[in-house]
């Protein structure tokens, strides 16, 4: 796997308070709403990205779906997304392991645009 260098101009955007770059990885602060009618990003809540998931918070089902959903958003393998804090909480911190050079910048820009226009993933 190649290391990712995240463009600092992309990372220092005030509309993305939930996103931090550490070394070659991204840290996402998310707020999870389980048992939703569909999986979607629905905006920013405080300094967290709010994500609605269809899974119930039982036996790790919502955590598994959270990792899968975020991996799908960034078009990366599920194994590249790990929960680093908040296993039993709605407030979680996710680590997205760096992959291809420049890949994150593209997806971060698309995510920011999606949030600005009110679209969901």
PDB file of N, CA and C in Angstrom:
ATOM      1  N   UNK A   1       0.826  -1.190   0.000  1.00  0.00           N
ATOM      2  CA  UNK A   1       0.000   0.000   0.000  1.00  0.00           C
ATOM      3  C   UNK A   1       0.870   1.253   0.000  1.00  0.00           C
ATOM      4  N   UNK A   2       0.496   2.204  -0.783  1.00  0.00           N
ATOM      5  CA  UNK A   2       1.213   3.479  -0.798  1.00  0.00           C
ATOM      6  C   UNK A   2       0.668   4.378   0.296  1.00  0.00           C
ATOM      7  N   UNK A   3       1.522   5.231   0.819  1.00  0.00           N
ATOM      8  CA  UNK A   3       1.080   6.205   1.820  1.00  0.00           C
ATOM      9  C   UNK A   3       0.362   7.349   1.122  1.00  0.00           C
ATOM     10  N   UNK A   4      -0.592   7.928   1.820  1.00  0.00           N
ATOM     11  CA  UNK A   4      -1.350   9.042   1.271  1.00  0.00           C
ATOM     12  C   UNK A   4      -0.852  10.343   1.878  1.00  0.00           C
ATOM     13  N   UNK A   5      -0.630  11.311   1.063  1.00  0.00           N
ATOM     14  CA  UNK A   5      -0.300  12.639   1.538  1.00  0.00           C
ATOM     15  C   UNK A   5      -1.539  13.488   1.316  1.00  0.00           C
ATOM     16  N   UNK A   6      -2.147  13.926   2.394  1.00  0.00           N
ATOM     17  CA  UNK A   6      -3.378  14.691   2.294  1.00  0.00           C
ATOM     18  C   UNK A   6      -3.040  16.163   2.157  1.00  0.00           C
ATOM     19  N   UNK A   7      -3.599  16.790   1.168  1.00  0.00           N
ATOM     20  CA  UNK A   7      -3.391  18.205   0.908  1.00  0.00           C
ATOM     21  C   UNK A   7      -3.888  19.018   2.098  1.00  0.00           C
ATOM     22  N   UNK A   8      -3.022  19.823   2.694  1.00  0.00           N
ATOM     23  CA  UNK A   8      -3.408  20.590   3.882  1.00  0.00           C
ATOM     24  C   UNK A   8      -4.517  21.589   3.582  1.00  0.00           C
ATOM     25  N   UNK A   9      -4.613  22.068   2.360  1.00  0.00           N
ATOM     26  CA  UNK A   9      -5.692  22.998   2.011  1.00  0.00           C
ATOM     27  C   UNK A   9      -7.046  22.295   2.084  1.00  0.00           C
ATOM     28  N   UNK A  10      -7.060  21.016   1.744  1.00  0.00           N
ATOM     29  CA  UNK A  10      -8.300  20.246   1.834  1.00  0.00           C
ATOM     30  C   UNK A  10      -8.652  20.005   3.298  1.00  0.00           C
ATOM     31  N   UNK A  11      -7.647  19.739   4.115  1.00  0.00           N
ATOM     32  CA  UNK A  11      -7.885  19.397   5.514  1.00  0.00           C
ATOM     33  C   UNK A  11      -8.260  20.600   6.369  1.00  0.00           C
ATOM     34  N   UNK A  12      -7.857  21.775   6.009  1.00  0.00           N
ATOM     35  CA  UNK A  12      -8.108  22.954   6.825  1.00  0.00           C
ATOM     36  C   UNK A  12      -9.370  23.687   6.390  1.00  0.00           C
ATOM     37  N   UNK A  13     -10.401  22.957   6.097  1.00  0.00           N
ATOM     38  CA  UNK A  13     -11.652  23.567   5.649  1.00  0.00           C
ATOM     39  C   UNK A  13     -12.597  23.670   6.835  1.00  0.00           C
ATOM     40  N   UNK A  14     -13.121  24.855   7.093  1.00  0.00           N
ATOM     41  CA  UNK A  14     -13.998  25.036   8.254  1.00  0.00           C
ATOM     42  C   UNK A  14     -15.287  24.229   8.164  1.00  0.00           C
ATOM     43  N   UNK A  15     -15.702  23.844   6.954  1.00  0.00           N
ATOM     44  CA  UNK A  15     -16.923  23.059   6.830  1.00  0.00           C
ATOM     45  C   UNK A  15     -16.704  21.580   7.139  1.00  0.00           C
ATOM     46  N   UNK A  16     -15.464  21.199   7.489  1.00  0.00           N
ATOM     47  CA  UNK A  16     -15.147  19.815   7.813  1.00  0.00           C
ATOM     48  C   UNK A  16     -14.563  19.678   9.222  1.00  0.00           C
ATOM     49  N   UNK A  17     -15.284  20.108  10.260  1.00  0.00           N
ATOM     50  CA  UNK A  17     -14.712  20.067  11.618  1.00  0.00           C
ATOM     51  C   UNK A  17     -14.551  18.648  12.151  1.00  0.00           C
ATOM     52  N   UNK A  18     -15.131  17.670  11.491  1.00  0.00           N
ATOM     53  CA  UNK A  18     -15.113  16.281  11.934  1.00  0.00           C
ATOM     54  C   UNK A  18     -13.917  15.507  11.401  1.00  0.00           C
ATOM     55  N   UNK A  19     -13.058  16.139  10.632  1.00  0.00           N
ATOM     56  CA  UNK A  19     -11.991  15.455   9.913  1.00  0.00           C
ATOM     57  C   UNK A  19     -10.624  15.965  10.327  1.00  0.00           C
ATOM     58  N   UNK A  20      -9.715  15.031  10.632  1.00  0.00           N
ATOM     59  CA  UNK A  20      -8.352  15.375  11.016  1.00  0.00           C
ATOM     60  C   UNK A  20      -7.398  14.427  10.309  1.00  0.00           C
ATOM     61  N   UNK A  21      -6.269  14.946   9.836  1.00  0.00           N
ATOM     62  CA  UNK A  21      -5.229  14.101   9.248  1.00  0.00           C
ATOM     63  C   UNK A  21      -4.150  13.873  10.296  1.00  0.00           C
ATOM     64  N   UNK A  22      -3.794  12.624  10.497  1.00  0.00           N
ATOM     65  CA  UNK A  22      -2.709  12.268  11.398  1.00  0.00           C
ATOM     66  C   UNK A  22      -1.801  11.316  10.632  1.00  0.00           C
ATOM     67  N   UNK A  23      -0.559  11.722  10.464  1.00  0.00           N
ATOM     68  CA  UNK A  23       0.380  10.992   9.615  1.00  0.00           C
ATOM     69  C   UNK A  23      -0.255  10.819   8.246  1.00  0.00           C
ATOM     70  N   UNK A  24      -0.424   9.607   7.780  1.00  0.00           N
ATOM     71  CA  UNK A  24      -1.018   9.380   6.465  1.00  0.00           C
ATOM     72  C   UNK A  24      -2.454   8.873   6.567  1.00  0.00           C
ATOM     73  N   UNK A  25      -3.043   8.986   7.738  1.00  0.00           N
ATOM     74  CA  UNK A  25      -4.394   8.495   7.964  1.00  0.00           C
ATOM     75  C   UNK A  25      -5.349   9.654   8.225  1.00  0.00           C
ATOM     76  N   UNK A  26      -6.635   9.361   8.098  1.00  0.00           N
ATOM     77  CA  UNK A  26      -7.668  10.330   8.430  1.00  0.00           C
ATOM     78  C   UNK A  26      -8.381   9.864   9.685  1.00  0.00           C
ATOM     79  N   UNK A  27      -8.742  10.797  10.543  1.00  0.00           N
ATOM     80  CA  UNK A  27      -9.565  10.509  11.707  1.00  0.00           C
ATOM     81  C   UNK A  27     -10.896  11.218  11.487  1.00  0.00           C
ATOM     82  N   UNK A  28     -11.968  10.446  11.531  1.00  0.00           N
ATOM     83  CA  UNK A  28     -13.318  10.982  11.375  1.00  0.00           C
ATOM     84  C   UNK A  28     -14.031  10.910  12.712  1.00  0.00           C
ATOM     85  N   UNK A  29     -14.622  12.011  13.147  1.00  0.00           N
ATOM     86  CA  UNK A  29     -15.494  11.994  14.320  1.00  0.00           C
ATOM     87  C   UNK A  29     -16.911  11.877  13.784  1.00  0.00           C
ATOM     88  N   UNK A  30     -17.616  10.828  14.210  1.00  0.00           N
ATOM     89  CA  UNK A  30     -18.957  10.598  13.696  1.00  0.00           C
ATOM     90  C   UNK A  30     -19.951  10.421  14.832  1.00  0.00           C
ATOM     91  N   UNK A  31     -21.185  10.784  14.539  1.00  0.00           N
ATOM     92  CA  UNK A  31     -22.321  10.527  15.419  1.00  0.00           C
ATOM     93  C   UNK A  31     -23.221   9.571  14.656  1.00  0.00           C
ATOM     94  N   UNK A  32     -23.493   8.410  15.251  1.00  0.00           N
ATOM     95  CA  UNK A  32     -24.265   7.372  14.586  1.00  0.00           C
ATOM     96  C   UNK A  32     -25.693   7.343  15.122  1.00  0.00           C
ATOM     97  N   UNK A  33     -26.643   7.351  14.210  1.00  0.00           N
ATOM     98  CA  UNK A  33     -28.044   7.163  14.572  1.00  0.00           C
ATOM     99  C   UNK A  33     -28.457   5.787  14.037  1.00  0.00           C
ATOM    100  N   UNK A  34     -28.567   4.776  14.918  1.00  0.00           N
ATOM    101  CA  UNK A  34     -28.953   3.440  14.460  1.00  0.00           C
ATOM    102  C   UNK A  34     -30.452   3.340  14.202  1.00  0.00           C
ATOM    103  N   UNK A  35     -30.838   2.231  13.601  1.00  0.00           N
ATOM    104  CA  UNK A  35     -32.247   1.927  13.303  1.00  0.00           C
ATOM    105  C   UNK A  35     -32.933   2.986  12.444  1.00  0.00           C
ATOM    106  N   UNK A  36     -32.210   3.537  11.499  1.00  0.00           N
ATOM    107  CA  UNK A  36     -32.783   4.519  10.574  1.00  0.00           C
ATOM    108  C   UNK A  36     -33.452   3.782   9.415  1.00  0.00           C
ATOM    109  N   UNK A  37     -34.210   4.503   8.620  1.00  0.00           N
ATOM    110  CA  UNK A  37     -34.895   3.882   7.488  1.00  0.00           C
ATOM    111  C   UNK A  37     -33.947   3.577   6.332  1.00  0.00           C
ATOM    112  N   UNK A  38     -32.820   4.324   6.251  1.00  0.00           N
ATOM    113  CA  UNK A  38     -31.811   4.052   5.225  1.00  0.00           C
ATOM    114  C   UNK A  38     -30.455   4.533   5.700  1.00  0.00           C
ATOM    115  N   UNK A  39     -29.414   3.999   5.097  1.00  0.00           N
ATOM    116  CA  UNK A  39     -28.049   4.425   5.408  1.00  0.00           C
ATOM    117  C   UNK A  39     -27.776   5.721   4.673  1.00  0.00           C
ATOM    118  N   UNK A  40     -27.360   6.743   5.426  1.00  0.00           N
ATOM    119  CA  UNK A  40     -27.076   8.017   4.774  1.00  0.00           C
ATOM    120  C   UNK A  40     -26.264   8.933   5.676  1.00  0.00           C
ATOM    121  N   UNK A  41     -25.548   9.833   5.023  1.00  0.00           N
ATOM    122  CA  UNK A  41     -24.911  10.944   5.718  1.00  0.00           C
ATOM    123  C   UNK A  41     -25.953  12.039   5.743  1.00  0.00           C
ATOM    124  N   UNK A  42     -26.221  12.584   6.923  1.00  0.00           N
ATOM    125  CA  UNK A  42     -27.289  13.588   6.961  1.00  0.00           C
ATOM    126  C   UNK A  42     -26.802  14.949   7.435  1.00  0.00           C
ATOM    127  N   UNK A  43     -25.508  15.154   7.537  1.00  0.00           N
ATOM    128  CA  UNK A  43     -25.008  16.482   7.863  1.00  0.00           C
ATOM    129  C   UNK A  43     -23.980  16.474   8.968  1.00  0.00           C
ATOM    130  N   UNK A  44     -23.805  17.642   9.540  1.00  0.00           N
ATOM    131  CA  UNK A  44     -22.847  17.813  10.627  1.00  0.00           C
ATOM    132  C   UNK A  44     -23.622  18.145  11.887  1.00  0.00           C
ATOM    133  N   UNK A  45     -23.284  17.453  12.963  1.00  0.00           N
ATOM    134  CA  UNK A  45     -23.901  17.704  14.261  1.00  0.00           C
ATOM    135  C   UNK A  45     -22.772  18.065  15.214  1.00  0.00           C
ATOM    136  N   UNK A  46     -22.740  19.319  15.626  1.00  0.00           N
ATOM    137  CA  UNK A  46     -21.617  19.788  16.441  1.00  0.00           C
ATOM    138  C   UNK A  46     -20.360  19.739  15.596  1.00  0.00           C
ATOM    139  N   UNK A  47     -19.383  18.963  16.049  1.00  0.00           N
ATOM    140  CA  UNK A  47     -18.153  18.771  15.280  1.00  0.00           C
ATOM    141  C   UNK A  47     -18.034  17.335  14.803  1.00  0.00           C
ATOM    142  N   UNK A  48     -19.184  16.688  14.591  1.00  0.00           N
ATOM    143  CA  UNK A  48     -19.192  15.303  14.143  1.00  0.00           C
ATOM    144  C   UNK A  48     -20.004  15.185  12.853  1.00  0.00           C
ATOM    145  N   UNK A  49     -19.633  14.214  12.042  1.00  0.00           N
ATOM    146  CA  UNK A  49     -20.400  13.884  10.851  1.00  0.00           C
ATOM    147  C   UNK A  49     -21.533  12.962  11.295  1.00  0.00           C
ATOM    148  N   UNK A  50     -22.767  13.350  11.032  1.00  0.00           N
ATOM    149  CA  UNK A  50     -23.907  12.539  11.447  1.00  0.00           C
ATOM    150  C   UNK A  50     -24.232  11.533  10.355  1.00  0.00           C
ATOM    151  N   UNK A  51     -24.279  10.266  10.771  1.00  0.00           N
ATOM    152  CA  UNK A  51     -24.567   9.174   9.848  1.00  0.00           C
ATOM    153  C   UNK A  51     -25.736   8.368  10.395  1.00  0.00           C
ATOM    154  N   UNK A  52     -26.720   8.140   9.563  1.00  0.00           N
ATOM    155  CA  UNK A  52     -27.846   7.278   9.921  1.00  0.00           C
ATOM    156  C   UNK A  52     -27.594   5.898   9.331  1.00  0.00           C
ATOM    157  N   UNK A  53     -27.814   4.863  10.150  1.00  0.00           N
ATOM    158  CA  UNK A  53     -27.603   3.485   9.721  1.00  0.00           C
ATOM    159  C   UNK A  53     -28.829   2.644  10.026  1.00  0.00           C
ATOM    160  N   UNK A  54     -29.094   1.679   9.185  1.00  0.00           N
ATOM    161  CA  UNK A  54     -30.275   0.830   9.358  1.00  0.00           C
ATOM    162  C   UNK A  54     -30.103  -0.224  10.446  1.00  0.00           C
ATOM    163  N   UNK A  55     -28.893  -0.590  10.781  1.00  0.00           N
ATOM    164  CA  UNK A  55     -28.647  -1.644  11.776  1.00  0.00           C
ATOM    165  C   UNK A  55     -28.989  -1.195  13.184  1.00  0.00           C
ATOM    166  N   UNK A  56     -29.450  -2.136  14.018  1.00  0.00           N
ATOM    167  CA  UNK A  56     -29.643  -1.815  15.434  1.00  0.00           C
ATOM    168  C   UNK A  56     -28.301  -1.878  16.158  1.00  0.00           C
ATOM    169  N   UNK A  57     -28.185  -1.199  17.289  1.00  0.00           N
ATOM    170  CA  UNK A  57     -26.924  -1.226  18.037  1.00  0.00           C
ATOM    171  C   UNK A  57     -26.822  -2.480  18.906  1.00  0.00           C
ATOM    172  N   UNK A  58     -26.931  -3.637  18.282  1.00  0.00           N
ATOM    173  CA  UNK A  58     -26.933  -4.906  18.996  1.00  0.00           C
ATOM    174  C   UNK A  58     -25.834  -5.804  18.436  1.00  0.00           C
ATOM    175  N   UNK A  59     -25.062  -6.402  19.322  1.00  0.00           N
ATOM    176  CA  UNK A  59     -24.018  -7.363  18.939  1.00  0.00           C
ATOM    177  C   UNK A  59     -23.057  -6.818  17.884  1.00  0.00           C
ATOM    178  N   UNK A  60     -22.769  -5.535  17.912  1.00  0.00           N
ATOM    179  CA  UNK A  60     -21.802  -4.938  16.996  1.00  0.00           C
ATOM    180  C   UNK A  60     -22.300  -4.735  15.574  1.00  0.00           C
ATOM    181  N   UNK A  61     -23.593  -4.948  15.321  1.00  0.00           N
ATOM    182  CA  UNK A  61     -24.125  -4.816  13.958  1.00  0.00           C
ATOM    183  C   UNK A  61     -23.985  -3.392  13.428  1.00  0.00           C
ATOM    184  N   UNK A  62     -24.275  -2.406  14.249  1.00  0.00           N
ATOM    185  CA  UNK A  62     -24.166  -1.004  13.803  1.00  0.00           C
ATOM    186  C   UNK A  62     -22.704  -0.626  13.575  1.00  0.00           C
ATOM    187  N   UNK A  63     -21.798  -1.122  14.419  1.00  0.00           N
ATOM    188  CA  UNK A  63     -20.379  -0.841  14.220  1.00  0.00           C
ATOM    189  C   UNK A  63     -19.890  -1.434  12.905  1.00  0.00           C
ATOM    190  N   UNK A  64     -20.297  -2.660  12.616  1.00  0.00           N
ATOM    191  CA  UNK A  64     -19.898  -3.308  11.367  1.00  0.00           C
ATOM    192  C   UNK A  64     -20.428  -2.523  10.166  1.00  0.00           C
ATOM    193  N   UNK A  65     -21.698  -2.142  10.220  1.00  0.00           N
ATOM    194  CA  UNK A  65     -22.280  -1.386   9.116  1.00  0.00           C
ATOM    195  C   UNK A  65     -21.629  -0.003   8.994  1.00  0.00           C
ATOM    196  N   UNK A  66     -21.288   0.602  10.106  1.00  0.00           N
ATOM    197  CA  UNK A  66     -20.606   1.906  10.097  1.00  0.00           C
ATOM    198  C   UNK A  66     -19.299   1.803   9.318  1.00  0.00           C
ATOM    199  N   UNK A  67     -18.495   0.796   9.635  1.00  0.00           N
ATOM    200  CA  UNK A  67     -17.224   0.601   8.934  1.00  0.00           C
ATOM    201  C   UNK A  67     -17.449   0.356   7.440  1.00  0.00           C
ATOM    202  N   UNK A  68     -18.438  -0.474   7.119  1.00  0.00           N
ATOM    203  CA  UNK A  68     -18.735  -0.778   5.715  1.00  0.00           C
ATOM    204  C   UNK A  68     -19.214   0.468   4.962  1.00  0.00           C
ATOM    205  N   UNK A  69     -20.064   1.249   5.596  1.00  0.00           N
ATOM    206  CA  UNK A  69     -20.614   2.443   4.961  1.00  0.00           C
ATOM    207  C   UNK A  69     -19.521   3.476   4.705  1.00  0.00           C
ATOM    208  N   UNK A  70     -18.672   3.713   5.683  1.00  0.00           N
ATOM    209  CA  UNK A  70     -17.582   4.683   5.512  1.00  0.00           C
ATOM    210  C   UNK A  70     -16.592   4.186   4.455  1.00  0.00           C
ATOM    211  N   UNK A  71     -16.309   2.886   4.447  1.00  0.00           N
ATOM    212  CA  UNK A  71     -15.427   2.325   3.420  1.00  0.00           C
ATOM    213  C   UNK A  71     -16.017   2.548   2.028  1.00  0.00           C
ATOM    214  N   UNK A  72     -17.326   2.409   1.909  1.00  0.00           N
ATOM    215  CA  UNK A  72     -17.996   2.630   0.639  1.00  0.00           C
ATOM    216  C   UNK A  72     -17.900   4.098   0.212  1.00  0.00           C
ATOM    217  N   UNK A  73     -18.067   5.000   1.160  1.00  0.00           N
ATOM    218  CA  UNK A  73     -17.972   6.435   0.859  1.00  0.00           C
ATOM    219  C   UNK A  73     -16.602   6.783   0.282  1.00  0.00           C
ATOM    220  N   UNK A  74     -15.549   6.254   0.918  1.00  0.00           N
ATOM    221  CA  UNK A  74     -14.187   6.564   0.496  1.00  0.00           C
ATOM    222  C   UNK A  74     -13.655   5.596  -0.563  1.00  0.00           C
ATOM    223  N   UNK A  75     -14.488   4.636  -0.970  1.00  0.00           N
ATOM    224  CA  UNK A  75     -14.115   3.665  -1.989  1.00  0.00           C
ATOM    225  C   UNK A  75     -12.826   2.924  -1.622  1.00  0.00           C
ATOM    226  N   UNK A  76     -12.805   2.414  -0.389  1.00  0.00           N
ATOM    227  CA  UNK A  76     -11.655   1.671   0.117  1.00  0.00           C
ATOM    228  C   UNK A  76     -12.138   0.355   0.725  1.00  0.00           C
ATOM    229  N   UNK A  77     -11.213  -0.507   1.061  1.00  0.00           N
ATOM    230  CA  UNK A  77     -11.546  -1.787   1.677  1.00  0.00           C
ATOM    231  C   UNK A  77     -12.075  -1.572   3.095  1.00  0.00           C
ATOM    232  N   UNK A  78     -12.996  -2.433   3.518  1.00  0.00           N
ATOM    233  CA  UNK A  78     -13.539  -2.351   4.884  1.00  0.00           C
ATOM    234  C   UNK A  78     -12.431  -2.456   5.922  1.00  0.00           C
ATOM    235  N   UNK A  79     -11.386  -3.213   5.603  1.00  0.00           N
ATOM    236  CA  UNK A  79     -10.284  -3.392   6.545  1.00  0.00           C
ATOM    237  C   UNK A  79      -9.477  -2.107   6.752  1.00  0.00           C
ATOM    238  N   UNK A  80      -9.681  -1.114   5.899  1.00  0.00           N
ATOM    239  CA  UNK A  80      -8.977   0.174   6.026  1.00  0.00           C
ATOM    240  C   UNK A  80      -9.692   1.142   6.958  1.00  0.00           C
ATOM    241  N   UNK A  81     -10.839   0.737   7.501  1.00  0.00           N
ATOM    242  CA  UNK A  81     -11.598   1.585   8.423  1.00  0.00           C
ATOM    243  C   UNK A  81     -11.677   0.866   9.767  1.00  0.00           C
ATOM    244  N   UNK A  82     -11.215   1.534  10.807  1.00  0.00           N
ATOM    245  CA  UNK A  82     -11.312   0.930  12.128  1.00  0.00           C
ATOM    246  C   UNK A  82     -11.879   1.928  13.128  1.00  0.00           C
ATOM    247  N   UNK A  83     -12.597   1.404  14.092  1.00  0.00           N
ATOM    248  CA  UNK A  83     -13.149   2.233  15.169  1.00  0.00           C
ATOM    249  C   UNK A  83     -12.086   2.323  16.244  1.00  0.00           C
ATOM    250  N   UNK A  84     -11.595   3.541  16.495  1.00  0.00           N
ATOM    251  CA  UNK A  84     -10.540   3.696  17.499  1.00  0.00           C
ATOM    252  C   UNK A  84     -11.084   4.126  18.852  1.00  0.00           C
ATOM    253  N   UNK A  85     -12.307   4.635  18.885  1.00  0.00           N
ATOM    254  CA  UNK A  85     -12.969   4.905  20.166  1.00  0.00           C
ATOM    255  C   UNK A  85     -14.470   4.972  19.945  1.00  0.00           C
ATOM    256  N   UNK A  86     -15.222   4.611  20.973  1.00  0.00           N
ATOM    257  CA  UNK A  86     -16.671   4.700  20.919  1.00  0.00           C
ATOM    258  C   UNK A  86     -17.367   3.424  20.484  1.00  0.00           C
ATOM    259  N   UNK A  87     -16.772   2.274  20.723  1.00  0.00           N
ATOM    260  CA  UNK A  87     -17.384   0.991  20.317  1.00  0.00           C
ATOM    261  C   UNK A  87     -18.825   0.862  20.812  1.00  0.00           C
ATOM    262  N   UNK A  88     -19.099   1.338  22.021  1.00  0.00           N
ATOM    263  CA  UNK A  88     -20.440   1.190  22.600  1.00  0.00           C
ATOM    264  C   UNK A  88     -21.191   2.520  22.684  1.00  0.00           C
ATOM    265  N   UNK A  89     -20.719   3.512  21.964  1.00  0.00           N
ATOM    266  CA  UNK A  89     -21.313   4.843  22.007  1.00  0.00           C
ATOM    267  C   UNK A  89     -21.796   5.245  20.619  1.00  0.00           C
ATOM    268  N   UNK A  90     -22.688   6.220  20.574  1.00  0.00           N
ATOM    269  CA  UNK A  90     -23.084   6.794  19.282  1.00  0.00           C
ATOM    270  C   UNK A  90     -21.997   7.732  18.758  1.00  0.00           C
ATOM    271  N   UNK A  91     -21.165   8.240  19.650  1.00  0.00           N
ATOM    272  CA  UNK A  91     -20.060   9.128  19.290  1.00  0.00           C
ATOM    273  C   UNK A  91     -18.825   8.254  19.070  1.00  0.00           C
ATOM    274  N   UNK A  92     -18.313   8.244  17.856  1.00  0.00           N
ATOM    275  CA  UNK A  92     -17.190   7.376  17.516  1.00  0.00           C
ATOM    276  C   UNK A  92     -16.087   8.166  16.829  1.00  0.00           C
ATOM    277  N   UNK A  93     -14.895   7.624  16.932  1.00  0.00           N
ATOM    278  CA  UNK A  93     -13.762   8.123  16.155  1.00  0.00           C
ATOM    279  C   UNK A  93     -13.300   6.977  15.280  1.00  0.00           C
ATOM    280  N   UNK A  94     -13.238   7.241  13.988  1.00  0.00           N
ATOM    281  CA  UNK A  94     -12.829   6.230  13.023  1.00  0.00           C
ATOM    282  C   UNK A  94     -11.484   6.602  12.429  1.00  0.00           C
ATOM    283  N   UNK A  95     -10.653   5.612  12.236  1.00  0.00           N
ATOM    284  CA  UNK A  95      -9.360   5.813  11.568  1.00  0.00           C
ATOM    285  C   UNK A  95      -9.480   5.219  10.175  1.00  0.00           C
ATOM    286  N   UNK A  96      -9.168   6.025   9.184  1.00  0.00           N
ATOM    287  CA  UNK A  96      -9.160   5.568   7.805  1.00  0.00           C
ATOM    288  C   UNK A  96      -7.699   5.491   7.393  1.00  0.00           C
ATOM    289  N   UNK A  97      -7.260   4.293   7.154  1.00  0.00           N
ATOM    290  CA  UNK A  97      -5.848   4.041   6.865  1.00  0.00           C
ATOM    291  C   UNK A  97      -5.527   4.513   5.452  1.00  0.00           C
ATOM    292  N   UNK A  98      -4.425   5.236   5.324  1.00  0.00           N
ATOM    293  CA  UNK A  98      -4.007   5.797   4.039  1.00  0.00           C
ATOM    294  C   UNK A  98      -3.847   4.744   2.966  1.00  0.00           C
ATOM    295  N   UNK A  99      -4.243   5.087   1.758  1.00  0.00           N
ATOM    296  CA  UNK A  99      -4.139   4.161   0.637  1.00  0.00           C
ATOM    297  C   UNK A  99      -3.399   4.834  -0.508  1.00  0.00           C
ATOM    298  N   UNK A 100      -4.040   5.101  -1.593  1.00  0.00           N
ATOM    299  CA  UNK A 100      -3.380   5.647  -2.774  1.00  0.00           C
ATOM    300  C   UNK A 100      -3.190   7.154  -2.682  1.00  0.00           C
ATOM    301  N   UNK A 101      -2.087   7.614  -3.207  1.00  0.00           N
ATOM    302  CA  UNK A 101      -1.765   9.041  -3.202  1.00  0.00           C
ATOM    303  C   UNK A 101      -2.875   9.849  -3.870  1.00  0.00           C
ATOM    304  N   UNK A 102      -3.350  10.879  -3.194  1.00  0.00           N
ATOM    305  CA  UNK A 102      -4.340  11.777  -3.762  1.00  0.00           C
ATOM    306  C   UNK A 102      -5.772  11.290  -3.659  1.00  0.00           C
ATOM    307  N   UNK A 103      -5.977  10.045  -3.263  1.00  0.00           N
ATOM    308  CA  UNK A 103      -7.331   9.488  -3.215  1.00  0.00           C
ATOM    309  C   UNK A 103      -8.200  10.215  -2.204  1.00  0.00           C
ATOM    310  N   UNK A 104      -7.679  10.476  -1.007  1.00  0.00           N
ATOM    311  CA  UNK A 104      -8.480  11.108   0.026  1.00  0.00           C
ATOM    312  C   UNK A 104      -8.912  12.506  -0.368  1.00  0.00           C
ATOM    313  N   UNK A 105      -8.045  13.261  -0.977  1.00  0.00           N
ATOM    314  CA  UNK A 105      -8.390  14.633  -1.354  1.00  0.00           C
ATOM    315  C   UNK A 105      -9.629  14.668  -2.232  1.00  0.00           C
ATOM    316  N   UNK A 106      -9.711  13.750  -3.170  1.00  0.00           N
ATOM    317  CA  UNK A 106     -10.863  13.680  -4.064  1.00  0.00           C
ATOM    318  C   UNK A 106     -12.135  13.378  -3.284  1.00  0.00           C
ATOM    319  N   UNK A 107     -12.080  12.372  -2.401  1.00  0.00           N
ATOM    320  CA  UNK A 107     -13.274  11.975  -1.660  1.00  0.00           C
ATOM    321  C   UNK A 107     -13.671  13.014  -0.608  1.00  0.00           C
ATOM    322  N   UNK A 108     -12.691  13.665  -0.005  1.00  0.00           N
ATOM    323  CA  UNK A 108     -12.987  14.700   0.982  1.00  0.00           C
ATOM    324  C   UNK A 108     -13.676  15.877   0.301  1.00  0.00           C
ATOM    325  N   UNK A 109     -13.192  16.252  -0.862  1.00  0.00           N
ATOM    326  CA  UNK A 109     -13.821  17.344  -1.600  1.00  0.00           C
ATOM    327  C   UNK A 109     -15.252  16.986  -1.987  1.00  0.00           C
ATOM    328  N   UNK A 110     -15.459  15.746  -2.431  1.00  0.00           N
ATOM    329  CA  UNK A 110     -16.807  15.298  -2.789  1.00  0.00           C
ATOM    330  C   UNK A 110     -17.716  15.279  -1.575  1.00  0.00           C
ATOM    331  N   UNK A 111     -17.183  14.844  -0.429  1.00  0.00           N
ATOM    332  CA  UNK A 111     -17.961  14.814   0.809  1.00  0.00           C
ATOM    333  C   UNK A 111     -18.343  16.233   1.230  1.00  0.00           C
ATOM    334  N   UNK A 112     -17.395  17.153   1.153  1.00  0.00           N
ATOM    335  CA  UNK A 112     -17.672  18.551   1.510  1.00  0.00           C
ATOM    336  C   UNK A 112     -18.739  19.139   0.592  1.00  0.00           C
ATOM    337  N   UNK A 113     -18.644  18.857  -0.694  1.00  0.00           N
ATOM    338  CA  UNK A 113     -19.639  19.359  -1.648  1.00  0.00           C
ATOM    339  C   UNK A 113     -21.010  18.763  -1.362  1.00  0.00           C
ATOM    340  N   UNK A 114     -21.041  17.490  -1.025  1.00  0.00           N
ATOM    341  CA  UNK A 114     -22.292  16.820  -0.695  1.00  0.00           C
ATOM    342  C   UNK A 114     -22.940  17.460   0.533  1.00  0.00           C
ATOM    343  N   UNK A 115     -22.137  17.777   1.520  1.00  0.00           N
ATOM    344  CA  UNK A 115     -22.667  18.427   2.731  1.00  0.00           C
ATOM    345  C   UNK A 115     -23.165  19.829   2.419  1.00  0.00           C
ATOM    346  N   UNK A 116     -22.472  20.542   1.556  1.00  0.00           N
ATOM    347  CA  UNK A 116     -22.879  21.906   1.204  1.00  0.00           C
ATOM    348  C   UNK A 116     -24.191  21.940   0.435  1.00  0.00           C
ATOM    349  N   UNK A 117     -24.419  20.941  -0.395  1.00  0.00           N
ATOM    350  CA  UNK A 117     -25.627  20.931  -1.208  1.00  0.00           C
ATOM    351  C   UNK A 117     -26.774  20.177  -0.571  1.00  0.00           C
ATOM    352  N   UNK A 118     -26.508  19.519   0.566  1.00  0.00           N
ATOM    353  CA  UNK A 118     -27.566  18.796   1.262  1.00  0.00           C
ATOM    354  C   UNK A 118     -27.827  17.411   0.722  1.00  0.00           C
ATOM    355  N   UNK A 119     -26.990  16.922  -0.180  1.00  0.00           N
ATOM    356  CA  UNK A 119     -27.167  15.573  -0.723  1.00  0.00           C
ATOM    357  C   UNK A 119     -26.724  14.534   0.295  1.00  0.00           C
ATOM    358  N   UNK A 120     -27.251  13.341   0.146  1.00  0.00           N
ATOM    359  CA  UNK A 120     -26.829  12.237   0.993  1.00  0.00           C
ATOM    360  C   UNK A 120     -26.122  11.212   0.142  1.00  0.00           C
ATOM    361  N   UNK A 121     -25.371  10.354   0.791  1.00  0.00           N
ATOM    362  CA  UNK A 121     -24.636   9.311   0.066  1.00  0.00           C
ATOM    363  C   UNK A 121     -25.472   8.062   0.024  1.00  0.00           C
TER     364      UNK A 121
END
